[in-house]
Amino acid sequence: MSGMGRINPRQMKQAMKKMGIRNTELKDVSEVIIRMPGEELVFRNPDVSVMEVQGNKTYQISGEPESRPSESVGEDHGIAVPSEDIELVMSQTGCDRDTAVSALQECNGQPAEAIVKIISS
């Protein structure tokens, strides 16, 4: 039974290509953050691969995460707003923290839209 059950990597790659499956590695990834209410998982220098099947992409992260408390605010409104985004909006508009958080929540957490909203009001 020698060789049974083993697939030649080249043949596997060809079969995946025929089925429309593409697998690539993302190069030079320095950090991946997974944000959850109250906690963040931070992967530093992870290996990240992307598998694309029929236009849908699946990301696989390999590495050891560091767990830390989430710095997000505004979760009571259903939209977590990262501190970095709040600081960005404040620095670009000169507004206070509450105004920045409110604008980010109204703009579904999109900093650029929040900045435009504050500037144009």
PDB file of N, CA and C in Angstrom:
ATOM      1  N   MET A   1       0.821  -1.192   0.000  1.00  0.00           N
ATOM      2  CA  MET A   1       0.000   0.000   0.000  1.00  0.00           C
ATOM      3  C   MET A   1       0.860   1.248   0.000  1.00  0.00           C
ATOM      4  N   SER A   2       2.078   1.109  -0.375  1.00  0.00           N
ATOM      5  CA  SER A   2       2.983   2.244  -0.422  1.00  0.00           C
ATOM      6  C   SER A   2       2.459   3.296  -1.395  1.00  0.00           C
ATOM      7  N   GLY A   3       2.415   4.548  -0.944  1.00  0.00           N
ATOM      8  CA  GLY A   3       1.988   5.641  -1.797  1.00  0.00           C
ATOM      9  C   GLY A   3       0.489   5.877  -1.802  1.00  0.00           C
ATOM     10  N   MET A   4      -0.281   4.956  -1.244  1.00  0.00           N
ATOM     11  CA  MET A   4      -1.732   5.124  -1.229  1.00  0.00           C
ATOM     12  C   MET A   4      -2.097   6.241  -0.252  1.00  0.00           C
ATOM     13  N   GLY A   5      -3.002   7.092  -0.636  1.00  0.00           N
ATOM     14  CA  GLY A   5      -3.452   8.152   0.247  1.00  0.00           C
ATOM     15  C   GLY A   5      -2.591   9.402   0.188  1.00  0.00           C
ATOM     16  N   ARG A   6      -1.479   9.327  -0.493  1.00  0.00           N
ATOM     17  CA  ARG A   6      -0.626  10.513  -0.628  1.00  0.00           C
ATOM     18  C   ARG A   6      -0.949  11.198  -1.950  1.00  0.00           C
ATOM     19  N   ILE A   7      -1.006  12.516  -1.871  1.00  0.00           N
ATOM     20  CA  ILE A   7      -1.279  13.280  -3.074  1.00  0.00           C
ATOM     21  C   ILE A   7      -0.079  14.145  -3.364  1.00  0.00           C
ATOM     22  N   ASN A   8       0.335  14.113  -4.577  1.00  0.00           N
ATOM     23  CA  ASN A   8       1.441  14.931  -5.037  1.00  0.00           C
ATOM     24  C   ASN A   8       1.028  16.403  -4.894  1.00  0.00           C
ATOM     25  N   PRO A   9       1.845  17.243  -4.232  1.00  0.00           N
ATOM     26  CA  PRO A   9       1.490  18.651  -4.048  1.00  0.00           C
ATOM     27  C   PRO A   9       1.196  19.376  -5.373  1.00  0.00           C
ATOM     28  N   ARG A  10       1.930  19.026  -6.419  1.00  0.00           N
ATOM     29  CA  ARG A  10       1.704  19.650  -7.727  1.00  0.00           C
ATOM     30  C   ARG A  10       0.335  19.269  -8.275  1.00  0.00           C
ATOM     31  N   GLN A  11      -0.035  17.991  -8.111  1.00  0.00           N
ATOM     32  CA  GLN A  11      -1.351  17.540  -8.564  1.00  0.00           C
ATOM     33  C   GLN A  11      -2.462  18.203  -7.750  1.00  0.00           C
ATOM     34  N   MET A  12      -2.229  18.359  -6.445  1.00  0.00           N
ATOM     35  CA  MET A  12      -3.215  19.015  -5.586  1.00  0.00           C
ATOM     36  C   MET A  12      -3.427  20.457  -6.042  1.00  0.00           C
ATOM     37  N   LYS A  13      -2.332  21.140  -6.346  1.00  0.00           N
ATOM     38  CA  LYS A  13      -2.425  22.535  -6.793  1.00  0.00           C
ATOM     39  C   LYS A  13      -3.211  22.625  -8.106  1.00  0.00           C
ATOM     40  N   GLN A  14      -2.960  21.700  -9.029  1.00  0.00           N
ATOM     41  CA  GLN A  14      -3.666  21.688 -10.305  1.00  0.00           C
ATOM     42  C   GLN A  14      -5.155  21.400 -10.100  1.00  0.00           C
ATOM     43  N   ALA A  15      -5.473  20.460  -9.211  1.00  0.00           N
ATOM     44  CA  ALA A  15      -6.872  20.122  -8.934  1.00  0.00           C
ATOM     45  C   ALA A  15      -7.592  21.321  -8.313  1.00  0.00           C
ATOM     46  N   MET A  16      -6.940  21.999  -7.391  1.00  0.00           N
ATOM     47  CA  MET A  16      -7.541  23.172  -6.762  1.00  0.00           C
ATOM     48  C   MET A  16      -7.792  24.261  -7.807  1.00  0.00           C
ATOM     49  N   LYS A  17      -6.844  24.444  -8.718  1.00  0.00           N
ATOM     50  CA  LYS A  17      -6.988  25.454  -9.765  1.00  0.00           C
ATOM     51  C   LYS A  17      -8.186  25.132 -10.661  1.00  0.00           C
ATOM     52  N   LYS A  18      -8.356  23.857 -11.006  1.00  0.00           N
ATOM     53  CA  LYS A  18      -9.488  23.432 -11.838  1.00  0.00           C
ATOM     54  C   LYS A  18     -10.823  23.690 -11.150  1.00  0.00           C
ATOM     55  N   MET A  19     -10.837  23.567  -9.817  1.00  0.00           N
ATOM     56  CA  MET A  19     -12.063  23.795  -9.056  1.00  0.00           C
ATOM     57  C   MET A  19     -12.275  25.274  -8.725  1.00  0.00           C
ATOM     58  N   GLY A  20     -11.366  26.121  -9.174  1.00  0.00           N
ATOM     59  CA  GLY A  20     -11.501  27.552  -8.922  1.00  0.00           C
ATOM     60  C   GLY A  20     -11.070  27.963  -7.524  1.00  0.00           C
ATOM     61  N   ILE A  21     -10.212  27.174  -6.896  1.00  0.00           N
ATOM     62  CA  ILE A  21      -9.718  27.478  -5.554  1.00  0.00           C
ATOM     63  C   ILE A  21      -8.302  28.024  -5.679  1.00  0.00           C
ATOM     64  N   ARG A  22      -8.078  29.173  -5.052  1.00  0.00           N
ATOM     65  CA  ARG A  22      -6.755  29.792  -5.089  1.00  0.00           C
ATOM     66  C   ARG A  22      -6.299  30.033  -3.665  1.00  0.00           C
ATOM     67  N   ASN A  23      -5.070  29.652  -3.350  1.00  0.00           N
ATOM     68  CA  ASN A  23      -4.522  29.826  -2.009  1.00  0.00           C
ATOM     69  C   ASN A  23      -3.229  30.630  -2.122  1.00  0.00           C
ATOM     70  N   THR A  24      -3.165  31.768  -1.391  1.00  0.00           N
ATOM     71  CA  THR A  24      -1.968  32.600  -1.428  1.00  0.00           C
ATOM     72  C   THR A  24      -1.572  32.994  -0.012  1.00  0.00           C
ATOM     73  N   GLU A  25      -0.310  33.328   0.151  1.00  0.00           N
ATOM     74  CA  GLU A  25       0.219  33.798   1.431  1.00  0.00           C
ATOM     75  C   GLU A  25       0.308  35.319   1.381  1.00  0.00           C
ATOM     76  N   LEU A  26      -0.118  35.982   2.447  1.00  0.00           N
ATOM     77  CA  LEU A  26       0.088  37.428   2.554  1.00  0.00           C
ATOM     78  C   LEU A  26       1.488  37.636   3.106  1.00  0.00           C
ATOM     79  N   LYS A  27       2.248  38.486   2.478  1.00  0.00           N
ATOM     80  CA  LYS A  27       3.640  38.729   2.871  1.00  0.00           C
ATOM     81  C   LYS A  27       3.744  39.906   3.837  1.00  0.00           C
ATOM     82  N   ASP A  28       4.709  39.838   4.722  1.00  0.00           N
ATOM     83  CA  ASP A  28       5.076  40.936   5.617  1.00  0.00           C
ATOM     84  C   ASP A  28       3.930  41.453   6.487  1.00  0.00           C
ATOM     85  N   VAL A  29       3.073  40.550   6.993  1.00  0.00           N
ATOM     86  CA  VAL A  29       2.005  40.956   7.898  1.00  0.00           C
ATOM     87  C   VAL A  29       2.626  41.203   9.265  1.00  0.00           C
ATOM     88  N   SER A  30       2.441  42.405   9.795  1.00  0.00           N
ATOM     89  CA  SER A  30       3.053  42.733  11.079  1.00  0.00           C
ATOM     90  C   SER A  30       2.108  42.496  12.250  1.00  0.00           C
ATOM     91  N   GLU A  31       0.780  42.616  12.008  1.00  0.00           N
ATOM     92  CA  GLU A  31      -0.146  42.478  13.124  1.00  0.00           C
ATOM     93  C   GLU A  31      -1.559  42.196  12.614  1.00  0.00           C
ATOM     94  N   VAL A  32      -2.274  41.337  13.345  1.00  0.00           N
ATOM     95  CA  VAL A  32      -3.694  41.085  13.098  1.00  0.00           C
ATOM     96  C   VAL A  32      -4.394  41.227  14.439  1.00  0.00           C
ATOM     97  N   ILE A  33      -5.479  42.012  14.459  1.00  0.00           N
ATOM     98  CA  ILE A  33      -6.231  42.208  15.695  1.00  0.00           C
ATOM     99  C   ILE A  33      -7.659  41.721  15.483  1.00  0.00           C
ATOM    100  N   ILE A  34      -8.111  40.867  16.384  1.00  0.00           N
ATOM    101  CA  ILE A  34      -9.503  40.423  16.383  1.00  0.00           C
ATOM    102  C   ILE A  34     -10.159  41.088  17.580  1.00  0.00           C
ATOM    103  N   ARG A  35     -11.144  41.957  17.305  1.00  0.00           N
ATOM    104  CA  ARG A  35     -11.810  42.708  18.372  1.00  0.00           C
ATOM    105  C   ARG A  35     -13.141  42.058  18.719  1.00  0.00           C
ATOM    106  N   MET A  36     -13.345  41.885  20.017  1.00  0.00           N
ATOM    107  CA  MET A  36     -14.592  41.361  20.552  1.00  0.00           C
ATOM    108  C   MET A  36     -14.993  42.284  21.690  1.00  0.00           C
ATOM    109  N   PRO A  37     -16.248  42.252  22.099  1.00  0.00           N
ATOM    110  CA  PRO A  37     -16.634  43.097  23.237  1.00  0.00           C
ATOM    111  C   PRO A  37     -15.801  42.742  24.464  1.00  0.00           C
ATOM    112  N   GLY A  38     -15.033  43.710  24.936  1.00  0.00           N
ATOM    113  CA  GLY A  38     -14.262  43.529  26.155  1.00  0.00           C
ATOM    114  C   GLY A  38     -12.895  42.887  25.992  1.00  0.00           C
ATOM    115  N   GLU A  39     -12.568  42.373  24.797  1.00  0.00           N
ATOM    116  CA  GLU A  39     -11.284  41.680  24.628  1.00  0.00           C
ATOM    117  C   GLU A  39     -10.796  41.807  23.194  1.00  0.00           C
ATOM    118  N   GLU A  40      -9.475  41.854  23.042  1.00  0.00           N
ATOM    119  CA  GLU A  40      -8.842  41.828  21.732  1.00  0.00           C
ATOM    120  C   GLU A  40      -7.804  40.716  21.715  1.00  0.00           C
ATOM    121  N   LEU A  41      -7.702  40.023  20.586  1.00  0.00           N
ATOM    122  CA  LEU A  41      -6.631  39.054  20.374  1.00  0.00           C
ATOM    123  C   LEU A  41      -5.677  39.695  19.376  1.00  0.00           C
ATOM    124  N   VAL A  42      -4.418  39.834  19.766  1.00  0.00           N
ATOM    125  CA  VAL A  42      -3.419  40.487  18.927  1.00  0.00           C
ATOM    126  C   VAL A  42      -2.387  39.455  18.497  1.00  0.00           C
ATOM    127  N   PHE A  43      -2.269  39.262  17.183  1.00  0.00           N
ATOM    128  CA  PHE A  43      -1.276  38.358  16.614  1.00  0.00           C
ATOM    129  C   PHE A  43      -0.173  39.235  16.038  1.00  0.00           C
ATOM    130  N   ARG A  44       1.049  39.098  16.566  1.00  0.00           N
ATOM    131  CA  ARG A  44       2.181  39.871  16.050  1.00  0.00           C
ATOM    132  C   ARG A  44       3.004  38.986  15.118  1.00  0.00           C
ATOM    133  N   ASN A  45       3.307  39.506  13.945  1.00  0.00           N
ATOM    134  CA  ASN A  45       4.071  38.801  12.909  1.00  0.00           C
ATOM    135  C   ASN A  45       3.477  37.417  12.597  1.00  0.00           C
ATOM    136  N   PRO A  46       2.168  37.352  12.337  1.00  0.00           N
ATOM    137  CA  PRO A  46       1.559  36.048  12.059  1.00  0.00           C
ATOM    138  C   PRO A  46       1.792  35.606  10.619  1.00  0.00           C
ATOM    139  N   ASP A  47       1.589  34.320  10.382  1.00  0.00           N
ATOM    140  CA  ASP A  47       1.526  33.798   9.025  1.00  0.00           C
ATOM    141  C   ASP A  47       0.054  33.873   8.631  1.00  0.00           C
ATOM    142  N   VAL A  48      -0.243  34.507   7.495  1.00  0.00           N
ATOM    143  CA  VAL A  48      -1.629  34.664   7.054  1.00  0.00           C
ATOM    144  C   VAL A  48      -1.741  34.131   5.636  1.00  0.00           C
ATOM    145  N   SER A  49      -2.681  33.206   5.438  1.00  0.00           N
ATOM    146  CA  SER A  49      -2.951  32.703   4.097  1.00  0.00           C
ATOM    147  C   SER A  49      -4.391  33.027   3.729  1.00  0.00           C
ATOM    148  N   VAL A  50      -4.617  33.210   2.437  1.00  0.00           N
ATOM    149  CA  VAL A  50      -5.933  33.549   1.926  1.00  0.00           C
ATOM    150  C   VAL A  50      -6.342  32.477   0.924  1.00  0.00           C
ATOM    151  N   MET A  51      -7.508  31.864   1.153  1.00  0.00           N
ATOM    152  CA  MET A  51      -8.052  30.897   0.216  1.00  0.00           C
ATOM    153  C   MET A  51      -9.286  31.528  -0.408  1.00  0.00           C
ATOM    154  N   GLU A  52      -9.298  31.575  -1.744  1.00  0.00           N
ATOM    155  CA  GLU A  52     -10.430  32.160  -2.461  1.00  0.00           C
ATOM    156  C   GLU A  52     -11.160  31.063  -3.224  1.00  0.00           C
ATOM    157  N   VAL A  53     -12.449  30.930  -2.928  1.00  0.00           N
ATOM    158  CA  VAL A  53     -13.295  29.941  -3.582  1.00  0.00           C
ATOM    159  C   VAL A  53     -14.532  30.666  -4.092  1.00  0.00           C
ATOM    160  N   GLN A  54     -14.712  30.677  -5.396  1.00  0.00           N
ATOM    161  CA  GLN A  54     -15.867  31.303  -6.026  1.00  0.00           C
ATOM    162  C   GLN A  54     -16.090  32.729  -5.533  1.00  0.00           C
ATOM    163  N   GLY A  55     -15.030  33.494  -5.443  1.00  0.00           N
ATOM    164  CA  GLY A  55     -15.127  34.892  -5.053  1.00  0.00           C
ATOM    165  C   GLY A  55     -15.177  35.147  -3.553  1.00  0.00           C
ATOM    166  N   ASN A  56     -15.327  34.105  -2.750  1.00  0.00           N
ATOM    167  CA  ASN A  56     -15.333  34.261  -1.293  1.00  0.00           C
ATOM    168  C   ASN A  56     -13.938  33.996  -0.758  1.00  0.00           C
ATOM    169  N   LYS A  57     -13.467  34.897   0.109  1.00  0.00           N
ATOM    170  CA  LYS A  57     -12.127  34.760   0.680  1.00  0.00           C
ATOM    171  C   LYS A  57     -12.218  34.316   2.129  1.00  0.00           C
ATOM    172  N   THR A  58     -11.355  33.361   2.481  1.00  0.00           N
ATOM    173  CA  THR A  58     -11.220  32.890   3.850  1.00  0.00           C
ATOM    174  C   THR A  58      -9.777  33.134   4.268  1.00  0.00           C
ATOM    175  N   TYR A  59      -9.604  33.780   5.421  1.00  0.00           N
ATOM    176  CA  TYR A  59      -8.273  34.097   5.926  1.00  0.00           C
ATOM    177  C   TYR A  59      -7.921  33.143   7.065  1.00  0.00           C
ATOM    178  N   GLN A  60      -6.715  32.593   7.009  1.00  0.00           N
ATOM    179  CA  GLN A  60      -6.224  31.720   8.070  1.00  0.00           C
ATOM    180  C   GLN A  60      -5.020  32.391   8.717  1.00  0.00           C
ATOM    181  N   ILE A  61      -5.097  32.540  10.036  1.00  0.00           N
ATOM    182  CA  ILE A  61      -4.035  33.201  10.798  1.00  0.00           C
ATOM    183  C   ILE A  61      -3.335  32.164  11.653  1.00  0.00           C
ATOM    184  N   SER A  62      -2.024  32.077  11.522  1.00  0.00           N
ATOM    185  CA  SER A  62      -1.237  31.167  12.353  1.00  0.00           C
ATOM    186  C   SER A  62      -0.290  31.987  13.211  1.00  0.00           C
ATOM    187  N   GLY A  63      -0.306  31.713  14.503  1.00  0.00           N
ATOM    188  CA  GLY A  63       0.560  32.425  15.424  1.00  0.00           C
ATOM    189  C   GLY A  63      -0.030  32.354  16.813  1.00  0.00           C
ATOM    190  N   GLU A  64       0.696  32.872  17.772  1.00  0.00           N
ATOM    191  CA  GLU A  64       0.244  32.846  19.165  1.00  0.00           C
ATOM    192  C   GLU A  64      -0.302  34.231  19.515  1.00  0.00           C
ATOM    193  N   PRO A  65      -1.616  34.337  19.801  1.00  0.00           N
ATOM    194  CA  PRO A  65      -2.171  35.655  20.109  1.00  0.00           C
ATOM    195  C   PRO A  65      -1.899  36.096  21.537  1.00  0.00           C
ATOM    196  N   GLU A  66      -1.863  37.402  21.698  1.00  0.00           N
ATOM    197  CA  GLU A  66      -1.804  38.019  23.018  1.00  0.00           C
ATOM    198  C   GLU A  66      -3.221  38.531  23.286  1.00  0.00           C
ATOM    199  N   SER A  67      -3.758  38.207  24.443  1.00  0.00           N
ATOM    200  CA  SER A  67      -5.095  38.675  24.808  1.00  0.00           C
ATOM    201  C   SER A  67      -4.954  39.936  25.637  1.00  0.00           C
ATOM    202  N   ARG A  68      -5.774  40.938  25.311  1.00  0.00           N
ATOM    203  CA  ARG A  68      -5.759  42.171  26.096  1.00  0.00           C
ATOM    204  C   ARG A  68      -7.173  42.725  26.164  1.00  0.00           C
ATOM    205  N   PRO A  69      -7.449  43.518  27.181  1.00  0.00           N
ATOM    206  CA  PRO A  69      -8.780  44.127  27.278  1.00  0.00           C
ATOM    207  C   PRO A  69      -9.020  45.034  26.078  1.00  0.00           C
ATOM    208  N   SER A  70     -10.237  45.054  25.594  1.00  0.00           N
ATOM    209  CA  SER A  70     -10.590  45.898  24.462  1.00  0.00           C
ATOM    210  C   SER A  70     -10.557  47.357  24.860  1.00  0.00           C
ATOM    211  N   GLU A  71     -10.013  48.186  23.965  1.00  0.00           N
ATOM    212  CA  GLU A  71      -9.968  49.624  24.204  1.00  0.00           C
ATOM    213  C   GLU A  71     -11.146  50.318  23.553  1.00  0.00           C
ATOM    214  N   SER A  72     -12.060  49.531  23.020  1.00  0.00           N
ATOM    215  CA  SER A  72     -13.190  50.105  22.303  1.00  0.00           C
ATOM    216  C   SER A  72     -14.185  50.731  23.254  1.00  0.00           C
ATOM    217  N   VAL A  73     -14.837  51.764  22.763  1.00  0.00           N
ATOM    218  CA  VAL A  73     -15.907  52.404  23.512  1.00  0.00           C
ATOM    219  C   VAL A  73     -17.130  52.461  22.618  1.00  0.00           C
ATOM    220  N   GLY A  74     -18.255  52.775  23.198  1.00  0.00           N
ATOM    221  CA  GLY A  74     -19.457  52.922  22.397  1.00  0.00           C
ATOM    222  C   GLY A  74     -20.137  51.617  22.073  1.00  0.00           C
ATOM    223  N   GLU A  75     -19.761  50.548  22.745  1.00  0.00           N
ATOM    224  CA  GLU A  75     -20.357  49.248  22.441  1.00  0.00           C
ATOM    225  C   GLU A  75     -21.812  49.157  22.876  1.00  0.00           C
ATOM    226  N   ASP A  76     -22.233  50.023  23.790  1.00  0.00           N
ATOM    227  CA  ASP A  76     -23.615  49.984  24.225  1.00  0.00           C
ATOM    228  C   ASP A  76     -24.568  50.386  23.097  1.00  0.00           C
ATOM    229  N   HIS A  77     -24.038  51.012  22.046  1.00  0.00           N
ATOM    230  CA  HIS A  77     -24.851  51.380  20.897  1.00  0.00           C
ATOM    231  C   HIS A  77     -24.713  50.365  19.771  1.00  0.00           C
ATOM    232  N   GLY A  78     -24.052  49.250  20.048  1.00  0.00           N
ATOM    233  CA  GLY A  78     -23.904  48.200  19.056  1.00  0.00           C
ATOM    234  C   GLY A  78     -22.745  48.395  18.104  1.00  0.00           C
ATOM    235  N   ILE A  79     -22.035  49.503  18.217  1.00  0.00           N
ATOM    236  CA  ILE A  79     -20.906  49.763  17.328  1.00  0.00           C
ATOM    237  C   ILE A  79     -19.675  50.011  18.189  1.00  0.00           C
ATOM    238  N   ALA A  80     -18.704  49.131  18.103  1.00  0.00           N
ATOM    239  CA  ALA A  80     -17.452  49.304  18.840  1.00  0.00           C
ATOM    240  C   ALA A  80     -16.605  50.326  18.086  1.00  0.00           C
ATOM    241  N   VAL A  81     -16.133  51.326  18.787  1.00  0.00           N
ATOM    242  CA  VAL A  81     -15.326  52.380  18.180  1.00  0.00           C
ATOM    243  C   VAL A  81     -13.929  52.323  18.789  1.00  0.00           C
ATOM    244  N   PRO A  82     -12.924  51.896  18.009  1.00  0.00           N
ATOM    245  CA  PRO A  82     -11.558  51.813  18.523  1.00  0.00           C
ATOM    246  C   PRO A  82     -11.006  53.185  18.930  1.00  0.00           C
ATOM    247  N   SER A  83     -10.212  53.186  19.979  1.00  0.00           N
ATOM    248  CA  SER A  83      -9.607  54.423  20.490  1.00  0.00           C
ATOM    249  C   SER A  83      -8.818  55.155  19.414  1.00  0.00           C
ATOM    250  N   GLU A  84      -8.122  54.401  18.541  1.00  0.00           N
ATOM    251  CA  GLU A  84      -7.323  55.037  17.483  1.00  0.00           C
ATOM    252  C   GLU A  84      -8.214  55.870  16.570  1.00  0.00           C
ATOM    253  N   ASP A  85      -9.422  55.365  16.266  1.00  0.00           N
ATOM    254  CA  ASP A  85     -10.334  56.093  15.388  1.00  0.00           C
ATOM    255  C   ASP A  85     -10.853  57.354  16.070  1.00  0.00           C
ATOM    256  N   ILE A  86     -11.122  57.254  17.358  1.00  0.00           N
ATOM    257  CA  ILE A  86     -11.586  58.424  18.113  1.00  0.00           C
ATOM    258  C   ILE A  86     -10.506  59.495  18.098  1.00  0.00           C
ATOM    259  N   GLU A  87      -9.251  59.085  18.367  1.00  0.00           N
ATOM    260  CA  GLU A  87      -8.137  60.031  18.373  1.00  0.00           C
ATOM    261  C   GLU A  87      -7.949  60.671  17.001  1.00  0.00           C
ATOM    262  N   LEU A  88      -8.093  59.884  15.940  1.00  0.00           N
ATOM    263  CA  LEU A  88      -7.956  60.401  14.581  1.00  0.00           C
ATOM    264  C   LEU A  88      -9.006  61.468  14.298  1.00  0.00           C
ATOM    265  N   VAL A  89     -10.265  61.165  14.609  1.00  0.00           N
ATOM    266  CA  VAL A  89     -11.347  62.123  14.368  1.00  0.00           C
ATOM    267  C   VAL A  89     -11.117  63.393  15.178  1.00  0.00           C
ATOM    268  N   MET A  90     -10.716  63.250  16.438  1.00  0.00           N
ATOM    269  CA  MET A  90     -10.456  64.423  17.282  1.00  0.00           C
ATOM    270  C   MET A  90      -9.318  65.271  16.710  1.00  0.00           C
ATOM    271  N   SER A  91      -8.238  64.626  16.274  1.00  0.00           N
ATOM    272  CA  SER A  91      -7.077  65.378  15.773  1.00  0.00           C
ATOM    273  C   SER A  91      -7.382  66.079  14.450  1.00  0.00           C
ATOM    274  N   GLN A  92      -8.227  65.475  13.625  1.00  0.00           N
ATOM    275  CA  GLN A  92      -8.532  66.061  12.317  1.00  0.00           C
ATOM    276  C   GLN A  92      -9.596  67.156  12.381  1.00  0.00           C
ATOM    277  N   THR A  93     -10.427  67.129  13.424  1.00  0.00           N
ATOM    278  CA  THR A  93     -11.533  68.093  13.494  1.00  0.00           C
ATOM    279  C   THR A  93     -11.416  69.077  14.646  1.00  0.00           C
ATOM    280  N   GLY A  94     -10.595  68.742  15.651  1.00  0.00           N
ATOM    281  CA  GLY A  94     -10.475  69.598  16.818  1.00  0.00           C
ATOM    282  C   GLY A  94     -11.659  69.477  17.772  1.00  0.00           C
ATOM    283  N   CYS A  95     -12.492  68.446  17.583  1.00  0.00           N
ATOM    284  CA  CYS A  95     -13.666  68.272  18.437  1.00  0.00           C
ATOM    285  C   CYS A  95     -13.299  67.544  19.729  1.00  0.00           C
ATOM    286  N   ASP A  96     -14.244  67.489  20.651  1.00  0.00           N
ATOM    287  CA  ASP A  96     -14.011  66.761  21.897  1.00  0.00           C
ATOM    288  C   ASP A  96     -14.326  65.277  21.702  1.00  0.00           C
ATOM    289  N   ARG A  97     -13.975  64.484  22.699  1.00  0.00           N
ATOM    290  CA  ARG A  97     -14.121  63.028  22.630  1.00  0.00           C
ATOM    291  C   ARG A  97     -15.581  62.596  22.419  1.00  0.00           C
ATOM    292  N   ASP A  98     -16.508  63.195  23.152  1.00  0.00           N
ATOM    293  CA  ASP A  98     -17.916  62.813  23.027  1.00  0.00           C
ATOM    294  C   ASP A  98     -18.448  63.058  21.619  1.00  0.00           C
ATOM    295  N   THR A  99     -18.064  64.185  21.028  1.00  0.00           N
ATOM    296  CA  THR A  99     -18.498  64.501  19.662  1.00  0.00           C
ATOM    297  C   THR A  99     -17.924  63.491  18.679  1.00  0.00           C
ATOM    298  N   ALA A 100     -16.657  63.136  18.860  1.00  0.00           N
ATOM    299  CA  ALA A 100     -16.012  62.161  17.975  1.00  0.00           C
ATOM    300  C   ALA A 100     -16.690  60.801  18.074  1.00  0.00           C
ATOM    301  N   VAL A 101     -16.950  60.342  19.306  1.00  0.00           N
ATOM    302  CA  VAL A 101     -17.604  59.043  19.504  1.00  0.00           C
ATOM    303  C   VAL A 101     -18.992  59.056  18.882  1.00  0.00           C
ATOM    304  N   SER A 102     -19.745  60.114  19.113  1.00  0.00           N
ATOM    305  CA  SER A 102     -21.094  60.224  18.577  1.00  0.00           C
ATOM    306  C   SER A 102     -21.086  60.181  17.052  1.00  0.00           C
ATOM    307  N   ALA A 103     -20.183  60.947  16.435  1.00  0.00           N
ATOM    308  CA  ALA A 103     -20.100  60.974  14.967  1.00  0.00           C
ATOM    309  C   ALA A 103     -19.692  59.613  14.420  1.00  0.00           C
ATOM    310  N   LEU A 104     -18.748  58.948  15.071  1.00  0.00           N
ATOM    311  CA  LEU A 104     -18.326  57.620  14.619  1.00  0.00           C
ATOM    312  C   LEU A 104     -19.475  56.622  14.710  1.00  0.00           C
ATOM    313  N   GLN A 105     -20.248  56.687  15.772  1.00  0.00           N
ATOM    314  CA  GLN A 105     -21.379  55.773  15.912  1.00  0.00           C
ATOM    315  C   GLN A 105     -22.436  56.049  14.842  1.00  0.00           C
ATOM    316  N   GLU A 106     -22.698  57.309  14.555  1.00  0.00           N
ATOM    317  CA  GLU A 106     -23.677  57.670  13.528  1.00  0.00           C
ATOM    318  C   GLU A 106     -23.208  57.262  12.132  1.00  0.00           C
ATOM    319  N   CYS A 107     -21.891  57.163  11.949  1.00  0.00           N
ATOM    320  CA  CYS A 107     -21.315  56.810  10.648  1.00  0.00           C
ATOM    321  C   CYS A 107     -20.839  55.360  10.608  1.00  0.00           C
ATOM    322  N   ASN A 108     -21.419  54.519  11.458  1.00  0.00           N
ATOM    323  CA  ASN A 108     -21.084  53.090  11.493  1.00  0.00           C
ATOM    324  C   ASN A 108     -19.599  52.814  11.663  1.00  0.00           C
ATOM    325  N   GLY A 109     -18.940  53.662  12.461  1.00  0.00           N
ATOM    326  CA  GLY A 109     -17.533  53.436  12.779  1.00  0.00           C
ATOM    327  C   GLY A 109     -16.558  53.836  11.692  1.00  0.00           C
ATOM    328  N   GLN A 110     -17.006  54.572  10.674  1.00  0.00           N
ATOM    329  CA  GLN A 110     -16.130  54.977   9.569  1.00  0.00           C
ATOM    330  C   GLN A 110     -15.506  56.335   9.862  1.00  0.00           C
ATOM    331  N   PRO A 111     -14.201  56.384  10.181  1.00  0.00           N
ATOM    332  CA  PRO A 111     -13.554  57.647  10.562  1.00  0.00           C
ATOM    333  C   PRO A 111     -13.665  58.749   9.508  1.00  0.00           C
ATOM    334  N   ALA A 112     -13.457  58.418   8.237  1.00  0.00           N
ATOM    335  CA  ALA A 112     -13.504  59.450   7.194  1.00  0.00           C
ATOM    336  C   ALA A 112     -14.886  60.090   7.128  1.00  0.00           C
ATOM    337  N   GLU A 113     -15.925  59.281   7.198  1.00  0.00           N
ATOM    338  CA  GLU A 113     -17.291  59.809   7.165  1.00  0.00           C
ATOM    339  C   GLU A 113     -17.575  60.655   8.399  1.00  0.00           C
ATOM    340  N   ALA A 114     -17.076  60.222   9.557  1.00  0.00           N
ATOM    341  CA  ALA A 114     -17.279  60.978  10.789  1.00  0.00           C
ATOM    342  C   ALA A 114     -16.590  62.336  10.709  1.00  0.00           C
ATOM    343  N   ILE A 115     -15.391  62.371  10.145  1.00  0.00           N
ATOM    344  CA  ILE A 115     -14.660  63.629   9.994  1.00  0.00           C
ATOM    345  C   ILE A 115     -15.436  64.590   9.094  1.00  0.00           C
ATOM    346  N   VAL A 116     -15.901  64.086   7.953  1.00  0.00           N
ATOM    347  CA  VAL A 116     -16.684  64.917   7.025  1.00  0.00           C
ATOM    348  C   VAL A 116     -17.955  65.420   7.705  1.00  0.00           C
ATOM    349  N   LYS A 117     -18.617  64.551   8.451  1.00  0.00           N
ATOM    350  CA  LYS A 117     -19.852  64.929   9.144  1.00  0.00           C
ATOM    351  C   LYS A 117     -19.599  66.071  10.125  1.00  0.00           C
ATOM    352  N   ILE A 118     -18.527  65.974  10.904  1.00  0.00           N
ATOM    353  CA  ILE A 118     -18.237  67.011  11.891  1.00  0.00           C
ATOM    354  C   ILE A 118     -17.846  68.313  11.204  1.00  0.00           C
ATOM    355  N   ILE A 119     -17.000  68.218  10.191  1.00  0.00           N
ATOM    356  CA  ILE A 119     -16.523  69.422   9.496  1.00  0.00           C
ATOM    357  C   ILE A 119     -17.665  70.134   8.793  1.00  0.00           C
ATOM    358  N   SER A 120     -18.595  69.375   8.222  1.00  0.00           N
ATOM    359  CA  SER A 120     -19.672  69.997   7.436  1.00  0.00           C
ATOM    360  C   SER A 120     -20.864  70.439   8.285  1.00  0.00           C
ATOM    361  N   SER A 121     -20.828  70.179   9.594  1.00  0.00           N
ATOM    362  CA  SER A 121     -21.976  70.592  10.414  1.00  0.00           C
ATOM    363  C   SER A 121     -21.762  71.933  11.063  1.00  0.00           C
TER     364      SER A 121
END
